[in-house]
Amino acid sequence: MSKNIKWAAGIVAALIIVAVVVVYPKLVVNLPDDGADAKPFTFKDTRGHRYTEMFIIGGNAITKDLKANVYNTWGLNGGDTTGDSAPQALLDKIDVKELAKQFHSLAVYKNGPRLWTLDWIEVEMGKELDFGGMKARWVNWLDMKRISTKPGEAAYKNITVGRHTRFGFDVGKQVFILEDPDGNPWVMKSCSLITHPDQKFDELGTLGSRLTLPAGWTFRAPVLEQDLILTPDKDGVAHITQDDFGNTYDRAGGPYSNFKP
């Protein structure tokens, strides 16, 4: 073997070592199990109240097999008395790049502010973290293989989440429903104020006229004739989607609700 070939082989070996030792740990991150000791919480009279979710994103950035731990502010930051668990003053201080370094994650994403469109919540919540002064508790994991955090990327896609929840909508209340081409209803649980901060709760009934619905999708806003309860399936798996305004919906019907609305 010539000296040049040996030299080149040595350079390649050194680069591989650098990649394994330095680069790989930054591209492959295992998330902590912050839901291991989750405990049940119940929140009532949540309709129209404001909150934010924080995503800590891990997984394999090389293969794009990504997953997020999701933390919710509800019940914290004074929200149990003010109806706003994500005050703008706290949101404005959040630096997601610094938080990603702090939590040794691939990225951190601020998913809010949002408004609840449901009436009560039963949820298992895990570890509480401090996001630059705003507190939030672990509520679920999120499969991010098919989506990104760019606005509109999740619109009208079937996204899988793992959680233990019951979301309640009271009889006599209006609900906001997307129906996909297969006839599956998706019930709005939160109204996004991220890219459309001018959205108003009392105007959601006419949202369908402002959406850019794909072929076969429809929007309706009925008043419930009985209580509606949304749940994951028996394995704790739920399915969500969003519209092009970033509002979030849970799949209903079958194992996902007490009746098909």
Protein backbone atom coordinates (compact mmCIF):
# COMPACT_ATOMS: atom_id res chain seq x y z
CA MET A 1 0.00 0.00 0.00
CA SER A 2 1.45 3.36 -1.01
CA LYS A 3 2.01 6.17 1.47
CA ASN A 4 -0.74 8.22 -0.22
CA ILE A 5 -3.26 5.42 0.12
CA LYS A 6 -2.31 4.87 3.75
CA TRP A 7 -2.61 8.60 4.40
CA ALA A 8 -6.06 8.73 2.75
CA ALA A 9 -7.21 5.68 4.69
CA GLY A 10 -6.05 7.32 7.90
CA ILE A 11 -8.00 10.50 7.11
CA VAL A 12 -11.16 8.48 6.38
CA ALA A 13 -10.77 6.55 9.63
CA ALA A 14 -10.31 9.79 11.55
CA LEU A 15 -13.41 11.31 9.97
CA ILE A 16 -15.44 8.23 10.87
CA ILE A 17 -14.29 8.48 14.47
CA VAL A 18 -15.22 12.18 14.58
CA ALA A 19 -18.63 11.39 13.11
CA VAL A 20 -19.30 8.65 15.67
CA VAL A 21 -17.99 10.55 18.68
CA VAL A 22 -19.05 14.13 17.86
CA VAL A 23 -21.74 14.22 15.19
CA TYR A 24 -23.83 11.08 15.84
CA PRO A 25 -24.82 11.98 19.44
CA LYS A 26 -26.15 15.30 18.16
CA LEU A 27 -28.28 13.60 15.49
CA VAL A 28 -29.62 10.67 17.52
CA VAL A 29 -31.30 11.50 20.84
CA ASN A 30 -33.22 9.17 23.14
CA LEU A 31 -35.95 11.00 25.02
CA PRO A 32 -36.48 10.44 28.75
CA ASP A 33 -39.62 8.63 29.90
CA ASP A 34 -41.21 11.67 31.53
CA GLY A 35 -44.59 9.92 31.61
CA ALA A 36 -43.40 6.99 33.71
CA ASP A 37 -44.98 8.31 36.91
CA ALA A 38 -47.98 10.06 35.34
CA LYS A 39 -50.91 10.76 37.63
CA PRO A 40 -54.56 11.53 36.78
CA PHE A 41 -55.80 15.12 36.68
CA THR A 42 -59.27 16.50 35.96
CA PHE A 43 -59.93 19.99 34.61
CA LYS A 44 -63.45 21.42 34.23
CA ASP A 45 -64.91 24.45 32.44
CA THR A 46 -62.01 24.57 29.98
CA ARG A 47 -63.91 25.82 26.90
CA GLY A 48 -62.29 28.97 25.52
CA HIS A 49 -59.37 28.87 27.95
CA ARG A 50 -55.82 29.43 26.76
CA TYR A 51 -52.83 27.08 26.95
CA THR A 52 -49.61 26.10 25.16
CA GLU A 53 -47.85 22.82 24.44
CA MET A 54 -44.08 22.42 24.36
CA PHE A 55 -42.50 19.67 22.26
CA ILE A 56 -39.10 18.21 23.15
CA ILE A 57 -38.07 16.42 19.98
CA GLY A 58 -35.76 13.41 19.83
CA GLY A 59 -35.17 10.29 17.77
CA ASN A 60 -32.99 9.82 14.73
CA ALA A 61 -32.44 12.92 12.60
CA ILE A 62 -30.57 10.84 10.01
CA THR A 63 -33.46 8.47 9.25
CA LYS A 64 -36.08 11.11 10.21
CA ASP A 65 -37.58 8.66 12.72
CA LEU A 66 -38.59 11.44 15.11
CA LYS A 67 -40.69 11.48 18.24
CA ALA A 68 -41.65 14.21 20.69
CA ASN A 69 -42.44 14.36 24.37
CA VAL A 70 -45.32 16.82 24.71
CA TYR A 71 -45.83 19.02 27.78
CA ASN A 72 -48.97 21.05 28.50
CA THR A 73 -49.27 24.22 30.57
CA TRP A 74 -52.84 23.61 31.72
CA GLY A 75 -53.31 23.95 35.48
CA LEU A 76 -50.02 25.86 35.84
CA ASN A 77 -48.77 29.45 35.54
CA GLY A 78 -51.93 30.75 37.22
CA GLY A 79 -54.23 29.21 34.59
CA ASP A 80 -56.48 27.50 37.13
CA THR A 81 -57.71 30.92 38.27
CA THR A 82 -57.20 33.16 35.22
CA GLY A 83 -58.15 30.78 32.40
CA ASP A 84 -54.78 31.48 30.78
CA SER A 85 -52.00 28.99 31.59
CA ALA A 86 -49.73 30.49 28.91
CA PRO A 87 -49.52 34.25 29.57
CA GLN A 88 -48.01 36.14 26.65
CA ALA A 89 -45.31 37.62 28.89
CA LEU A 90 -44.00 34.09 29.54
CA LEU A 91 -44.35 32.97 25.92
CA ASP A 92 -42.35 35.96 24.71
CA LYS A 93 -39.38 34.96 26.88
CA ILE A 94 -39.06 31.44 25.48
CA ASP A 95 -35.91 30.75 23.45
CA VAL A 96 -36.42 27.35 21.82
CA LYS A 97 -32.78 27.05 20.68
CA GLU A 98 -31.50 27.57 24.20
CA LEU A 99 -34.08 25.11 25.53
CA ALA A 100 -32.95 22.47 23.01
CA LYS A 101 -29.43 22.79 24.41
CA GLN A 102 -30.73 22.67 27.98
CA PHE A 103 -32.72 19.47 27.39
CA HIS A 104 -30.07 17.88 25.11
CA SER A 105 -32.69 17.36 22.41
CA LEU A 106 -32.77 17.67 18.63
CA ALA A 107 -35.14 20.62 18.92
CA VAL A 108 -37.81 22.27 21.05
CA TYR A 109 -41.05 23.60 19.56
CA LYS A 110 -43.58 26.01 21.07
CA ASN A 111 -47.06 24.84 20.03
CA GLY A 112 -49.18 27.73 21.16
CA PRO A 113 -50.94 29.73 22.28
CA ARG A 114 -54.17 27.80 21.75
CA LEU A 115 -57.74 27.82 23.05
CA TRP A 116 -59.51 24.69 24.30
CA THR A 117 -62.74 23.96 22.43
CA LEU A 118 -63.82 21.21 24.83
CA ASP A 119 -65.58 21.45 28.19
CA TRP A 120 -63.61 19.14 30.46
CA ILE A 121 -60.45 17.04 30.44
CA GLU A 122 -59.31 13.93 32.26
CA VAL A 123 -55.61 13.35 31.60
CA GLU A 124 -52.62 11.55 33.03
CA MET A 125 -49.80 14.06 33.47
CA GLY A 126 -46.17 13.28 34.18
CA LYS A 127 -43.01 15.19 34.96
CA GLU A 128 -43.19 18.97 35.25
CA LEU A 129 -40.51 20.99 33.46
CA ASP A 130 -39.60 24.66 33.37
CA PHE A 131 -39.39 26.13 29.88
CA GLY A 132 -37.61 29.42 30.45
CA GLY A 133 -40.03 30.43 33.21
CA MET A 134 -43.18 28.78 31.83
CA LYS A 135 -44.06 25.50 33.52
CA ALA A 136 -45.64 22.54 31.74
CA ARG A 137 -46.31 18.87 32.52
CA TRP A 138 -45.75 15.82 30.29
CA VAL A 139 -49.03 14.67 28.69
CA ASN A 140 -48.20 12.44 25.70
CA TRP A 141 -45.72 11.33 23.08
CA LEU A 142 -46.16 12.30 19.44
CA ASP A 143 -45.05 10.40 16.33
CA MET A 144 -43.36 12.99 14.10
CA LYS A 145 -42.37 10.74 11.18
CA ARG A 146 -44.97 12.26 8.85
CA ILE A 147 -44.96 15.86 10.02
CA SER A 148 -42.71 18.77 10.78
CA THR A 149 -43.19 21.85 12.94
CA LYS A 150 -43.65 24.08 9.88
CA PRO A 151 -47.11 25.73 9.77
CA GLY A 152 -49.54 23.73 7.65
CA GLU A 153 -47.41 20.56 7.48
CA ALA A 154 -49.88 18.58 9.59
CA ALA A 155 -53.01 19.75 7.75
CA TYR A 156 -55.42 16.92 6.94
CA LYS A 157 -52.87 14.21 7.84
CA ASN A 158 -53.56 11.29 10.19
CA ILE A 159 -51.09 11.70 13.08
CA THR A 160 -50.61 9.15 15.88
CA VAL A 161 -50.24 10.11 19.54
CA GLY A 162 -50.00 8.04 22.71
CA ARG A 163 -51.85 9.27 25.78
CA HIS A 164 -54.43 8.40 28.45
CA THR A 165 -57.20 10.99 28.25
CA ARG A 166 -60.93 11.60 28.20
CA PHE A 167 -62.04 14.78 26.42
CA GLY A 168 -65.59 15.91 27.17
CA PHE A 169 -68.05 18.06 25.21
CA ASP A 170 -71.31 18.86 27.00
CA VAL A 171 -74.81 18.37 25.65
CA GLY A 172 -76.20 21.59 24.18
CA LYS A 173 -72.74 22.89 23.24
CA GLN A 174 -71.55 23.50 19.69
CA VAL A 175 -68.72 21.35 18.33
CA PHE A 176 -66.62 21.82 15.21
CA ILE A 177 -66.15 18.76 13.04
CA LEU A 178 -64.09 17.86 10.00
CA GLU A 179 -65.25 14.80 8.06
CA ASP A 180 -62.74 13.00 5.86
CA PRO A 181 -63.51 11.30 2.52
CA ASP A 182 -64.06 7.97 4.32
CA GLY A 183 -66.78 9.48 6.53
CA ASN A 184 -64.66 9.60 9.69
CA PRO A 185 -65.44 12.58 11.96
CA TRP A 186 -62.63 14.60 13.54
CA VAL A 187 -63.71 16.86 16.42
CA MET A 188 -61.84 20.08 17.14
CA LYS A 189 -60.25 20.13 20.59
CA SER A 190 -58.18 23.30 20.23
CA CYS A 191 -58.19 26.53 18.26
CA SER A 192 -54.75 27.77 17.20
CA LEU A 193 -53.61 31.36 17.72
CA ILE A 194 -50.14 30.69 16.30
CA THR A 195 -50.39 31.66 12.64
CA HIS A 196 -53.90 33.15 12.91
CA PRO A 197 -53.90 35.10 16.19
CA ASP A 198 -57.07 36.91 15.13
CA GLN A 199 -59.17 33.73 15.35
CA LYS A 200 -62.12 34.21 17.70
CA PHE A 201 -63.89 31.41 19.51
CA ASP A 202 -67.37 32.71 18.71
CA GLU A 203 -66.58 32.68 14.96
CA LEU A 204 -65.55 29.03 14.74
CA GLY A 205 -69.02 27.95 13.65
CA THR A 206 -68.42 29.54 10.24
CA LEU A 207 -64.82 28.37 9.94
CA GLY A 208 -65.68 26.06 7.05
CA SER A 209 -66.10 29.02 4.70
CA ARG A 210 -62.51 30.10 5.41
CA LEU A 211 -60.77 26.73 5.19
CA THR A 212 -59.12 25.35 2.06
CA LEU A 213 -60.55 21.85 2.33
CA PRO A 214 -59.04 19.01 0.26
CA ALA A 215 -61.34 17.09 -2.08
CA GLY A 216 -63.82 14.98 -0.12
CA TRP A 217 -63.39 16.81 3.20
CA THR A 218 -66.27 18.75 4.78
CA PHE A 219 -66.76 20.96 7.84
CA ARG A 220 -69.83 21.20 10.08
CA ALA A 221 -70.67 22.73 13.46
CA PRO A 222 -73.61 20.93 15.10
CA VAL A 223 -75.02 21.45 18.58
CA LEU A 224 -74.71 18.26 20.63
CA GLU A 225 -77.86 16.37 21.58
CA GLN A 226 -75.90 14.28 24.09
CA ASP A 227 -72.55 14.44 25.86
CA LEU A 228 -69.62 13.54 23.63
CA ILE A 229 -66.52 11.88 25.11
CA LEU A 230 -63.36 11.32 23.07
CA THR A 231 -60.88 8.63 24.13
CA PRO A 232 -57.84 6.82 22.74
CA ASP A 233 -58.24 3.16 21.81
CA LYS A 234 -57.61 0.36 24.32
CA ASP A 235 -53.85 0.62 23.73
CA GLY A 236 -53.76 4.34 24.55
CA VAL A 237 -53.36 5.39 20.91
CA ALA A 238 -55.29 8.36 19.53
CA HIS A 239 -55.32 9.99 16.11
CA ILE A 240 -55.26 13.71 15.46
CA THR A 241 -55.24 16.02 12.48
CA GLN A 242 -55.17 19.75 11.81
CA ASP A 243 -56.79 22.12 9.35
CA ASP A 244 -54.92 24.77 7.39
CA PHE A 245 -55.35 27.27 10.26
CA GLY A 246 -53.52 24.88 12.61
CA ASN A 247 -56.62 24.01 14.66
CA THR A 248 -56.33 20.49 16.09
CA TYR A 249 -58.94 17.72 15.88
CA ASP A 250 -59.26 14.26 17.47
CA ARG A 251 -60.62 11.28 15.55
CA ALA A 252 -64.10 10.26 16.73
CA GLY A 253 -66.30 7.25 16.08
CA GLY A 254 -65.51 3.57 16.66
CA PRO A 255 -63.21 3.08 19.68
CA TYR A 256 -62.44 6.80 19.84
CA SER A 257 -65.73 8.16 21.24
CA ASN A 258 -68.94 7.15 23.00
CA PHE A 259 -70.90 7.75 19.77
CA LYS A 260 -70.21 8.94 16.22
CA PRO A 261 -71.11 12.64 16.07
